[in-house]
mmCIF file of all heavy atoms, coordinates in Angstrom:
data_MODEL
# 
_entry.id   MODEL 
# 
loop_
_atom_site.group_PDB 
_atom_site.id 
_atom_site.type_symbol 
_atom_site.label_atom_id 
_atom_site.label_alt_id 
_atom_site.label_comp_id 
_atom_site.label_asym_id 
_atom_site.label_entity_id 
_atom_site.label_seq_id 
_atom_site.pdbx_PDB_ins_code 
_atom_site.Cartn_x 
_atom_site.Cartn_y 
_atom_site.Cartn_z 
_atom_site.occupancy 
_atom_site.B_iso_or_equiv 
_atom_site.pdbx_formal_charge 
_atom_site.auth_seq_id 
_atom_site.auth_comp_id 
_atom_site.auth_asym_id 
_atom_site.auth_atom_id 
_atom_site.pdbx_PDB_model_num 
ATOM 1   N N   . TYR A 1 1  ? 79.086 -42.092 -27.428 1.00 0.00 ? 1  TYR A N   1 
ATOM 2   C CA  . TYR A 1 1  ? 77.788 -41.636 -27.923 1.00 0.00 ? 1  TYR A CA  1 
ATOM 3   C C   . TYR A 1 1  ? 77.175 -42.755 -28.747 1.00 0.00 ? 1  TYR A C   1 
ATOM 4   O O   . TYR A 1 1  ? 77.818 -43.277 -29.667 1.00 0.00 ? 1  TYR A O   1 
ATOM 5   C CB  . TYR A 1 1  ? 77.947 -40.376 -28.775 1.00 0.00 ? 1  TYR A CB  1 
ATOM 6   C CG  . TYR A 1 1  ? 76.623 -39.717 -29.086 1.00 0.00 ? 1  TYR A CG  1 
ATOM 7   C CD1 . TYR A 1 1  ? 76.087 -38.765 -28.234 1.00 0.00 ? 1  TYR A CD1 1 
ATOM 8   C CD2 . TYR A 1 1  ? 75.902 -40.077 -30.217 1.00 0.00 ? 1  TYR A CD2 1 
ATOM 9   C CE1 . TYR A 1 1  ? 74.866 -38.168 -28.504 1.00 0.00 ? 1  TYR A CE1 1 
ATOM 10  C CE2 . TYR A 1 1  ? 74.678 -39.493 -30.494 1.00 0.00 ? 1  TYR A CE2 1 
ATOM 11  C CZ  . TYR A 1 1  ? 74.167 -38.544 -29.632 1.00 0.00 ? 1  TYR A CZ  1 
ATOM 12  O OH  . TYR A 1 1  ? 72.951 -37.965 -29.895 1.00 0.00 ? 1  TYR A OH  1 
ATOM 13  N N   . PRO A 1 2  ? 75.951 -43.173 -28.430 1.00 0.00 ? 2  PRO A N   1 
ATOM 14  C CA  . PRO A 1 2  ? 75.341 -44.302 -29.138 1.00 0.00 ? 2  PRO A CA  1 
ATOM 15  C C   . PRO A 1 2  ? 75.325 -44.098 -30.655 1.00 0.00 ? 2  PRO A C   1 
ATOM 16  O O   . PRO A 1 2  ? 74.937 -43.037 -31.149 1.00 0.00 ? 2  PRO A O   1 
ATOM 17  C CB  . PRO A 1 2  ? 73.908 -44.322 -28.582 1.00 0.00 ? 2  PRO A CB  1 
ATOM 18  C CG  . PRO A 1 2  ? 74.027 -43.716 -27.220 1.00 0.00 ? 2  PRO A CG  1 
ATOM 19  C CD  . PRO A 1 2  ? 75.068 -42.641 -27.361 1.00 0.00 ? 2  PRO A CD  1 
ATOM 20  N N   . GLY A 1 3  ? 75.778 -45.123 -31.359 1.00 0.00 ? 3  GLY A N   1 
ATOM 21  C CA  . GLY A 1 3  ? 75.758 -45.082 -32.811 1.00 0.00 ? 3  GLY A CA  1 
ATOM 22  C C   . GLY A 1 3  ? 77.025 -44.563 -33.448 1.00 0.00 ? 3  GLY A C   1 
ATOM 23  O O   . GLY A 1 3  ? 77.201 -44.681 -34.660 1.00 0.00 ? 3  GLY A O   1 
ATOM 24  N N   . ILE A 1 4  ? 77.929 -43.990 -32.659 1.00 0.00 ? 4  ILE A N   1 
ATOM 25  C CA  . ILE A 1 4  ? 79.213 -43.515 -33.191 1.00 0.00 ? 4  ILE A CA  1 
ATOM 26  C C   . ILE A 1 4  ? 80.286 -44.447 -32.645 1.00 0.00 ? 4  ILE A C   1 
ATOM 27  O O   . ILE A 1 4  ? 80.990 -44.136 -31.689 1.00 0.00 ? 4  ILE A O   1 
ATOM 28  C CB  . ILE A 1 4  ? 79.486 -42.054 -32.805 1.00 0.00 ? 4  ILE A CB  1 
ATOM 29  C CG1 . ILE A 1 4  ? 78.339 -41.162 -33.292 1.00 0.00 ? 4  ILE A CG1 1 
ATOM 30  C CG2 . ILE A 1 4  ? 80.798 -41.569 -33.406 1.00 0.00 ? 4  ILE A CG2 1 
ATOM 31  C CD1 . ILE A 1 4  ? 78.519 -39.695 -32.967 1.00 0.00 ? 4  ILE A CD1 1 
ATOM 32  N N   . GLN A 1 5  ? 80.383 -45.625 -33.226 1.00 0.00 ? 5  GLN A N   1 
ATOM 33  C CA  . GLN A 1 5  ? 81.260 -46.657 -32.698 1.00 0.00 ? 5  GLN A CA  1 
ATOM 34  C C   . GLN A 1 5  ? 82.732 -46.323 -32.877 1.00 0.00 ? 5  GLN A C   1 
ATOM 35  O O   . GLN A 1 5  ? 83.532 -46.516 -31.974 1.00 0.00 ? 5  GLN A O   1 
ATOM 36  C CB  . GLN A 1 5  ? 80.937 -47.998 -33.364 1.00 0.00 ? 5  GLN A CB  1 
ATOM 37  C CG  . GLN A 1 5  ? 81.712 -49.175 -32.778 1.00 0.00 ? 5  GLN A CG  1 
ATOM 38  C CD  . GLN A 1 5  ? 81.271 -50.495 -33.379 1.00 0.00 ? 5  GLN A CD  1 
ATOM 39  O OE1 . GLN A 1 5  ? 80.495 -50.527 -34.328 1.00 0.00 ? 5  GLN A OE1 1 
ATOM 40  N NE2 . GLN A 1 5  ? 81.761 -51.592 -32.842 1.00 0.00 ? 5  GLN A NE2 1 
ATOM 41  N N   . ALA A 1 6  ? 83.088 -45.807 -34.056 1.00 0.00 ? 6  ALA A N   1 
ATOM 42  C CA  . ALA A 1 6  ? 84.491 -45.516 -34.314 1.00 0.00 ? 6  ALA A CA  1 
ATOM 43  C C   . ALA A 1 6  ? 84.955 -44.265 -33.589 1.00 0.00 ? 6  ALA A C   1 
ATOM 44  O O   . ALA A 1 6  ? 86.145 -44.062 -33.393 1.00 0.00 ? 6  ALA A O   1 
ATOM 45  C CB  . ALA A 1 6  ? 84.717 -45.361 -35.819 1.00 0.00 ? 6  ALA A CB  1 
ATOM 46  N N   . GLY A 1 7  ? 84.027 -43.430 -33.164 1.00 0.00 ? 7  GLY A N   1 
ATOM 47  C CA  . GLY A 1 7  ? 84.384 -42.196 -32.482 1.00 0.00 ? 7  GLY A CA  1 
ATOM 48  C C   . GLY A 1 7  ? 84.728 -41.091 -33.467 1.00 0.00 ? 7  GLY A C   1 
ATOM 49  O O   . GLY A 1 7  ? 85.191 -41.340 -34.572 1.00 0.00 ? 7  GLY A O   1 
ATOM 50  N N   . LYS A 1 8  ? 84.474 -39.854 -33.077 1.00 0.00 ? 8  LYS A N   1 
ATOM 51  C CA  . LYS A 1 8  ? 84.854 -38.695 -33.871 1.00 0.00 ? 8  LYS A CA  1 
ATOM 52  C C   . LYS A 1 8  ? 85.183 -37.576 -32.913 1.00 0.00 ? 8  LYS A C   1 
ATOM 53  O O   . LYS A 1 8  ? 84.889 -37.671 -31.714 1.00 0.00 ? 8  LYS A O   1 
ATOM 54  C CB  . LYS A 1 8  ? 83.745 -38.290 -34.832 1.00 0.00 ? 8  LYS A CB  1 
ATOM 55  C CG  . LYS A 1 8  ? 82.449 -37.843 -34.164 1.00 0.00 ? 8  LYS A CG  1 
ATOM 56  C CD  . LYS A 1 8  ? 81.480 -37.234 -35.174 1.00 0.00 ? 8  LYS A CD  1 
ATOM 57  C CE  . LYS A 1 8  ? 81.098 -38.152 -36.278 1.00 0.00 ? 8  LYS A CE  1 
ATOM 58  N NZ  . LYS A 1 8  ? 80.170 -37.554 -37.250 1.00 0.00 ? 8  LYS A NZ  1 
ATOM 59  N N   . THR A 1 9  ? 85.786 -36.534 -33.384 1.00 0.00 ? 9  THR A N   1 
ATOM 60  C CA  . THR A 1 9  ? 86.129 -35.425 -32.497 1.00 0.00 ? 9  THR A CA  1 
ATOM 61  C C   . THR A 1 9  ? 84.860 -34.669 -32.108 1.00 0.00 ? 9  THR A C   1 
ATOM 62  O O   . THR A 1 9  ? 83.852 -34.682 -32.832 1.00 0.00 ? 9  THR A O   1 
ATOM 63  C CB  . THR A 1 9  ? 87.099 -34.444 -33.180 1.00 0.00 ? 9  THR A CB  1 
ATOM 64  O OG1 . THR A 1 9  ? 86.428 -33.785 -34.254 1.00 0.00 ? 9  THR A OG1 1 
ATOM 65  C CG2 . THR A 1 9  ? 88.335 -35.172 -33.692 1.00 0.00 ? 9  THR A CG2 1 
ATOM 66  N N   . GLY A 1 10 ? 84.929 -33.996 -30.974 1.00 0.00 ? 10 GLY A N   1 
ATOM 67  C CA  . GLY A 1 10 ? 83.808 -33.176 -30.551 1.00 0.00 ? 10 GLY A CA  1 
ATOM 68  C C   . GLY A 1 10 ? 83.517 -32.066 -31.532 1.00 0.00 ? 10 GLY A C   1 
ATOM 69  O O   . GLY A 1 10 ? 82.364 -31.698 -31.753 1.00 0.00 ? 10 GLY A O   1 
ATOM 70  N N   . PHE A 1 11 ? 84.565 -31.522 -32.155 1.00 0.00 ? 11 PHE A N   1 
ATOM 71  C CA  . PHE A 1 11 ? 84.380 -30.469 -33.155 1.00 0.00 ? 11 PHE A CA  1 
ATOM 72  C C   . PHE A 1 11 ? 83.584 -30.989 -34.354 1.00 0.00 ? 11 PHE A C   1 
ATOM 73  O O   . PHE A 1 11 ? 82.637 -30.345 -34.811 1.00 0.00 ? 11 PHE A O   1 
ATOM 74  C CB  . PHE A 1 11 ? 85.733 -29.936 -33.623 1.00 0.00 ? 11 PHE A CB  1 
ATOM 75  C CG  . PHE A 1 11 ? 85.635 -28.922 -34.738 1.00 0.00 ? 11 PHE A CG  1 
ATOM 76  C CD1 . PHE A 1 11 ? 85.346 -27.595 -34.457 1.00 0.00 ? 11 PHE A CD1 1 
ATOM 77  C CD2 . PHE A 1 11 ? 85.808 -29.309 -36.060 1.00 0.00 ? 11 PHE A CD2 1 
ATOM 78  C CE1 . PHE A 1 11 ? 85.236 -26.657 -35.481 1.00 0.00 ? 11 PHE A CE1 1 
ATOM 79  C CE2 . PHE A 1 11 ? 85.698 -28.380 -37.091 1.00 0.00 ? 11 PHE A CE2 1 
ATOM 80  C CZ  . PHE A 1 11 ? 85.406 -27.053 -36.795 1.00 0.00 ? 11 PHE A CZ  1 
ATOM 81  N N   . ASP A 1 12 ? 83.969 -32.156 -34.862 1.00 0.00 ? 12 ASP A N   1 
ATOM 82  C CA  . ASP A 1 12 ? 83.263 -32.729 -36.008 1.00 0.00 ? 12 ASP A CA  1 
ATOM 83  C C   . ASP A 1 12 ? 81.819 -33.059 -35.656 1.00 0.00 ? 12 ASP A C   1 
ATOM 84  O O   . ASP A 1 12 ? 80.913 -32.887 -36.478 1.00 0.00 ? 12 ASP A O   1 
ATOM 85  C CB  . ASP A 1 12 ? 83.982 -33.983 -36.505 1.00 0.00 ? 12 ASP A CB  1 
ATOM 86  C CG  . ASP A 1 12 ? 85.286 -33.675 -37.212 1.00 0.00 ? 12 ASP A CG  1 
ATOM 87  O OD1 . ASP A 1 12 ? 85.464 -32.522 -37.645 1.00 0.00 ? 12 ASP A OD1 1 
ATOM 88  O OD2 . ASP A 1 12 ? 86.137 -34.581 -37.307 1.00 0.00 ? 12 ASP A OD2 1 
ATOM 89  N N   . PHE A 1 13 ? 81.611 -33.537 -34.450 1.00 0.00 ? 13 PHE A N   1 
ATOM 90  C CA  . PHE A 1 13 ? 80.253 -33.848 -33.994 1.00 0.00 ? 13 PHE A CA  1 
ATOM 91  C C   . PHE A 1 13 ? 79.388 -32.592 -33.984 1.00 0.00 ? 13 PHE A C   1 
ATOM 92  O O   . PHE A 1 13 ? 78.253 -32.593 -34.471 1.00 0.00 ? 13 PHE A O   1 
ATOM 93  C CB  . PHE A 1 13 ? 80.320 -34.468 -32.593 1.00 0.00 ? 13 PHE A CB  1 
ATOM 94  C CG  . PHE A 1 13 ? 78.981 -34.823 -32.010 1.00 0.00 ? 13 PHE A CG  1 
ATOM 95  C CD1 . PHE A 1 13 ? 78.295 -35.957 -32.429 1.00 0.00 ? 13 PHE A CD1 1 
ATOM 96  C CD2 . PHE A 1 13 ? 78.411 -34.028 -31.035 1.00 0.00 ? 13 PHE A CD2 1 
ATOM 97  C CE1 . PHE A 1 13 ? 77.066 -36.286 -31.887 1.00 0.00 ? 13 PHE A CE1 1 
ATOM 98  C CE2 . PHE A 1 13 ? 77.177 -34.353 -30.483 1.00 0.00 ? 13 PHE A CE2 1 
ATOM 99  C CZ  . PHE A 1 13 ? 76.507 -35.488 -30.920 1.00 0.00 ? 13 PHE A CZ  1 
ATOM 100 N N   . GLY A 1 14 ? 79.946 -31.504 -33.442 1.00 0.00 ? 14 GLY A N   1 
ATOM 101 C CA  . GLY A 1 14 ? 79.208 -30.243 -33.408 1.00 0.00 ? 14 GLY A CA  1 
ATOM 102 C C   . GLY A 1 14 ? 78.907 -29.718 -34.795 1.00 0.00 ? 14 GLY A C   1 
ATOM 103 O O   . GLY A 1 14 ? 77.800 -29.217 -35.066 1.00 0.00 ? 14 GLY A O   1 
ATOM 104 N N   . GLU A 1 15 ? 79.879 -29.823 -35.703 1.00 0.00 ? 15 GLU A N   1 
ATOM 105 C CA  . GLU A 1 15 ? 79.670 -29.361 -37.070 1.00 0.00 ? 15 GLU A CA  1 
ATOM 106 C C   . GLU A 1 15 ? 78.607 -30.189 -37.786 1.00 0.00 ? 15 GLU A C   1 
ATOM 107 O O   . GLU A 1 15 ? 77.777 -29.664 -38.540 1.00 0.00 ? 15 GLU A O   1 
ATOM 108 C CB  . GLU A 1 15 ? 80.984 -29.404 -37.847 1.00 0.00 ? 15 GLU A CB  1 
ATOM 109 C CG  . GLU A 1 15 ? 81.917 -28.256 -37.534 1.00 0.00 ? 15 GLU A CG  1 
ATOM 110 C CD  . GLU A 1 15 ? 81.312 -26.919 -37.919 1.00 0.00 ? 15 GLU A CD  1 
ATOM 111 O OE1 . GLU A 1 15 ? 81.059 -26.699 -39.120 1.00 0.00 ? 15 GLU A OE1 1 
ATOM 112 O OE2 . GLU A 1 15 ? 81.069 -26.100 -37.015 1.00 0.00 ? 15 GLU A OE2 1 
ATOM 113 N N   . ASP A 1 16 ? 78.611 -31.493 -37.549 1.00 0.00 ? 16 ASP A N   1 
ATOM 114 C CA  . ASP A 1 16 ? 77.591 -32.357 -38.149 1.00 0.00 ? 16 ASP A CA  1 
ATOM 115 C C   . ASP A 1 16 ? 76.201 -31.970 -37.665 1.00 0.00 ? 16 ASP A C   1 
ATOM 116 O O   . ASP A 1 16 ? 75.242 -31.900 -38.447 1.00 0.00 ? 16 ASP A O   1 
ATOM 117 C CB  . ASP A 1 16 ? 77.865 -33.822 -37.818 1.00 0.00 ? 16 ASP A CB  1 
ATOM 118 C CG  . ASP A 1 16 ? 79.033 -34.406 -38.594 1.00 0.00 ? 16 ASP A CG  1 
ATOM 119 O OD1 . ASP A 1 16 ? 79.495 -33.751 -39.550 1.00 0.00 ? 16 ASP A OD1 1 
ATOM 120 O OD2 . ASP A 1 16 ? 79.476 -35.510 -38.238 1.00 0.00 ? 16 ASP A OD2 1 
ATOM 121 N N   . MET A 1 17 ? 76.074 -31.708 -36.367 1.00 0.00 ? 17 MET A N   1 
ATOM 122 C CA  . MET A 1 17 ? 74.781 -31.327 -35.815 1.00 0.00 ? 17 MET A CA  1 
ATOM 123 C C   . MET A 1 17 ? 74.327 -29.971 -36.355 1.00 0.00 ? 17 MET A C   1 
ATOM 124 O O   . MET A 1 17 ? 73.144 -29.769 -36.647 1.00 0.00 ? 17 MET A O   1 
ATOM 125 C CB  . MET A 1 17 ? 74.838 -31.292 -34.282 1.00 0.00 ? 17 MET A CB  1 
ATOM 126 C CG  . MET A 1 17 ? 74.967 -32.652 -33.632 1.00 0.00 ? 17 MET A CG  1 
ATOM 127 S SD  . MET A 1 17 ? 74.719 -32.572 -31.832 1.00 0.00 ? 17 MET A SD  1 
ATOM 128 C CE  . MET A 1 17 ? 72.936 -32.337 -31.751 1.00 0.00 ? 17 MET A CE  1 
ATOM 129 N N   . ARG A 1 18 ? 75.269 -29.047 -36.500 1.00 0.00 ? 18 ARG A N   1 
ATOM 130 C CA  . ARG A 1 18 ? 74.914 -27.727 -37.044 1.00 0.00 ? 18 ARG A CA  1 
ATOM 131 C C   . ARG A 1 18 ? 74.407 -27.850 -38.475 1.00 0.00 ? 18 ARG A C   1 
ATOM 132 O O   . ARG A 1 18 ? 73.350 -27.293 -38.833 1.00 0.00 ? 18 ARG A O   1 
ATOM 133 C CB  . ARG A 1 18 ? 76.124 -26.790 -37.002 1.00 0.00 ? 18 ARG A CB  1 
ATOM 134 C CG  . ARG A 1 18 ? 75.840 -25.415 -37.616 1.00 0.00 ? 18 ARG A CG  1 
ATOM 135 C CD  . ARG A 1 18 ? 77.101 -24.593 -37.767 1.00 0.00 ? 18 ARG A CD  1 
ATOM 136 N NE  . ARG A 1 18 ? 78.078 -25.218 -38.636 1.00 0.00 ? 18 ARG A NE  1 
ATOM 137 C CZ  . ARG A 1 18 ? 78.024 -25.208 -39.971 1.00 0.00 ? 18 ARG A CZ  1 
ATOM 138 N NH1 . ARG A 1 18 ? 77.015 -24.598 -40.581 1.00 0.00 ? 18 ARG A NH1 1 
ATOM 139 N NH2 . ARG A 1 18 ? 78.966 -25.804 -40.685 1.00 0.00 ? 18 ARG A NH2 1 
ATOM 140 N N   . ARG A 1 19 ? 75.147 -28.591 -39.310 1.00 0.00 ? 19 ARG A N   1 
ATOM 141 C CA  . ARG A 1 19 ? 74.734 -28.751 -40.708 1.00 0.00 ? 19 ARG A CA  1 
ATOM 142 C C   . ARG A 1 19 ? 73.383 -29.443 -40.812 1.00 0.00 ? 19 ARG A C   1 
ATOM 143 O O   . ARG A 1 19 ? 72.545 -29.074 -41.651 1.00 0.00 ? 19 ARG A O   1 
ATOM 144 C CB  . ARG A 1 19 ? 75.795 -29.543 -41.479 1.00 0.00 ? 19 ARG A CB  1 
ATOM 145 C CG  . ARG A 1 19 ? 77.048 -28.721 -41.811 1.00 0.00 ? 19 ARG A CG  1 
ATOM 146 C CD  . ARG A 1 19 ? 77.929 -29.462 -42.784 1.00 0.00 ? 19 ARG A CD  1 
ATOM 147 N NE  . ARG A 1 19 ? 78.533 -30.633 -42.156 1.00 0.00 ? 19 ARG A NE  1 
ATOM 148 C CZ  . ARG A 1 19 ? 79.740 -30.638 -41.605 1.00 0.00 ? 19 ARG A CZ  1 
ATOM 149 N NH1 . ARG A 1 19 ? 80.464 -29.530 -41.589 1.00 0.00 ? 19 ARG A NH1 1 
ATOM 150 N NH2 . ARG A 1 19 ? 80.231 -31.732 -41.064 1.00 0.00 ? 19 ARG A NH2 1 
ATOM 151 N N   . GLN A 1 20 ? 73.166 -30.403 -39.957 1.00 0.00 ? 20 GLN A N   1 
ATOM 152 C CA  . GLN A 1 20 ? 71.896 -31.118 -39.975 1.00 0.00 ? 20 GLN A CA  1 
ATOM 153 C C   . GLN A 1 20 ? 70.747 -30.185 -39.619 1.00 0.00 ? 20 GLN A C   1 
ATOM 154 O O   . GLN A 1 20 ? 69.698 -30.201 -40.270 1.00 0.00 ? 20 GLN A O   1 
ATOM 155 C CB  . GLN A 1 20 ? 71.968 -32.281 -38.981 1.00 0.00 ? 20 GLN A CB  1 
ATOM 156 C CG  . GLN A 1 20 ? 70.915 -33.346 -39.171 1.00 0.00 ? 20 GLN A CG  1 
ATOM 157 C CD  . GLN A 1 20 ? 71.192 -34.554 -38.292 1.00 0.00 ? 20 GLN A CD  1 
ATOM 158 O OE1 . GLN A 1 20 ? 71.941 -34.479 -37.318 1.00 0.00 ? 20 GLN A OE1 1 
ATOM 159 N NE2 . GLN A 1 20 ? 70.589 -35.680 -38.637 1.00 0.00 ? 20 GLN A NE2 1 
ATOM 160 N N   . ALA A 1 21 ? 70.945 -29.354 -38.583 1.00 0.00 ? 21 ALA A N   1 
ATOM 161 C CA  . ALA A 1 21 ? 69.904 -28.402 -38.189 1.00 0.00 ? 21 ALA A CA  1 
ATOM 162 C C   . ALA A 1 21 ? 69.643 -27.389 -39.297 1.00 0.00 ? 21 ALA A C   1 
ATOM 163 O O   . ALA A 1 21 ? 68.490 -27.039 -39.590 1.00 0.00 ? 21 ALA A O   1 
ATOM 164 C CB  . ALA A 1 21 ? 70.308 -27.694 -36.899 1.00 0.00 ? 21 ALA A CB  1 
ATOM 165 N N   . GLU A 1 22 ? 70.707 -26.927 -39.939 1.00 0.00 ? 22 GLU A N   1 
ATOM 166 C CA  . GLU A 1 22 ? 70.539 -25.976 -41.045 1.00 0.00 ? 22 GLU A CA  1 
ATOM 167 C C   . GLU A 1 22 ? 69.800 -26.604 -42.222 1.00 0.00 ? 22 GLU A C   1 
ATOM 168 O O   . GLU A 1 22 ? 68.997 -25.942 -42.893 1.00 0.00 ? 22 GLU A O   1 
ATOM 169 C CB  . GLU A 1 22 ? 71.903 -25.448 -41.492 1.00 0.00 ? 22 GLU A CB  1 
ATOM 170 C CG  . GLU A 1 22 ? 72.528 -24.459 -40.521 1.00 0.00 ? 22 GLU A CG  1 
ATOM 171 C CD  . GLU A 1 22 ? 73.854 -23.922 -41.011 1.00 0.00 ? 22 GLU A CD  1 
ATOM 172 O OE1 . GLU A 1 22 ? 74.583 -24.652 -41.712 1.00 0.00 ? 22 GLU A OE1 1 
ATOM 173 O OE2 . GLU A 1 22 ? 74.160 -22.756 -40.691 1.00 0.00 ? 22 GLU A OE2 1 
ATOM 174 N N   . ASP A 1 23 ? 70.069 -27.870 -42.469 1.00 0.00 ? 23 ASP A N   1 
ATOM 175 C CA  . ASP A 1 23 ? 69.378 -28.561 -43.562 1.00 0.00 ? 23 ASP A CA  1 
ATOM 176 C C   . ASP A 1 23 ? 67.866 -28.593 -43.335 1.00 0.00 ? 23 ASP A C   1 
ATOM 177 O O   . ASP A 1 23 ? 67.084 -28.609 -44.291 1.00 0.00 ? 23 ASP A O   1 
ATOM 178 C CB  . ASP A 1 23 ? 69.906 -29.985 -43.715 1.00 0.00 ? 23 ASP A CB  1 
ATOM 179 C CG  . ASP A 1 23 ? 71.298 -30.040 -44.341 1.00 0.00 ? 23 ASP A CG  1 
ATOM 180 O OD1 . ASP A 1 23 ? 71.727 -29.019 -44.913 1.00 0.00 ? 23 ASP A OD1 1 
ATOM 181 O OD2 . ASP A 1 23 ? 71.951 -31.096 -44.229 1.00 0.00 ? 23 ASP A OD2 1 
ATOM 182 N N   . PHE A 1 24 ? 67.460 -28.604 -42.076 1.00 0.00 ? 24 PHE A N   1 
ATOM 183 C CA  . PHE A 1 24 ? 66.034 -28.614 -41.750 1.00 0.00 ? 24 PHE A CA  1 
ATOM 184 C C   . PHE A 1 24 ? 65.453 -27.199 -41.689 1.00 0.00 ? 24 PHE A C   1 
ATOM 185 O O   . PHE A 1 24 ? 64.248 -27.038 -41.531 1.00 0.00 ? 24 PHE A O   1 
ATOM 186 C CB  . PHE A 1 24 ? 65.782 -29.327 -40.426 1.00 0.00 ? 24 PHE A CB  1 
ATOM 187 C CG  . PHE A 1 24 ? 65.857 -30.825 -40.515 1.00 0.00 ? 24 PHE A CG  1 
ATOM 188 C CD1 . PHE A 1 24 ? 66.887 -31.520 -39.901 1.00 0.00 ? 24 PHE A CD1 1 
ATOM 189 C CD2 . PHE A 1 24 ? 64.900 -31.538 -41.221 1.00 0.00 ? 24 PHE A CD2 1 
ATOM 190 C CE1 . PHE A 1 24 ? 66.959 -32.908 -39.989 1.00 0.00 ? 24 PHE A CE1 1 
ATOM 191 C CE2 . PHE A 1 24 ? 64.968 -32.925 -41.313 1.00 0.00 ? 24 PHE A CE2 1 
ATOM 192 C CZ  . PHE A 1 24 ? 66.003 -33.614 -40.702 1.00 0.00 ? 24 PHE A CZ  1 
ATOM 193 N N   . GLY A 1 25 ? 66.317 -26.183 -41.794 1.00 0.00 ? 25 GLY A N   1 
ATOM 194 C CA  . GLY A 1 25 ? 65.825 -24.821 -41.854 1.00 0.00 ? 25 GLY A CA  1 
ATOM 195 C C   . GLY A 1 25 ? 66.188 -23.921 -40.698 1.00 0.00 ? 25 GLY A C   1 
ATOM 196 O O   . GLY A 1 25 ? 65.813 -22.741 -40.695 1.00 0.00 ? 25 GLY A O   1 
ATOM 197 N N   . ALA A 1 26 ? 66.918 -24.420 -39.706 1.00 0.00 ? 26 ALA A N   1 
ATOM 198 C CA  . ALA A 1 26 ? 67.335 -23.573 -38.587 1.00 0.00 ? 26 ALA A CA  1 
ATOM 199 C C   . ALA A 1 26 ? 68.342 -22.534 -39.065 1.00 0.00 ? 26 ALA A C   1 
ATOM 200 O O   . ALA A 1 26 ? 69.161 -22.803 -39.949 1.00 0.00 ? 26 ALA A O   1 
ATOM 201 C CB  . ALA A 1 26 ? 67.943 -24.411 -37.462 1.00 0.00 ? 26 ALA A CB  1 
# 
C-alpha cells in the first residue's frame, strides 16, 4: 500500500481507517 513502507497488519490498517473516519464525524 503506497506510503506504508514498513508494512502493518490488515487489522491495524482497518482500525486506523475507522478512527480516522470517526475523527471526521462518521
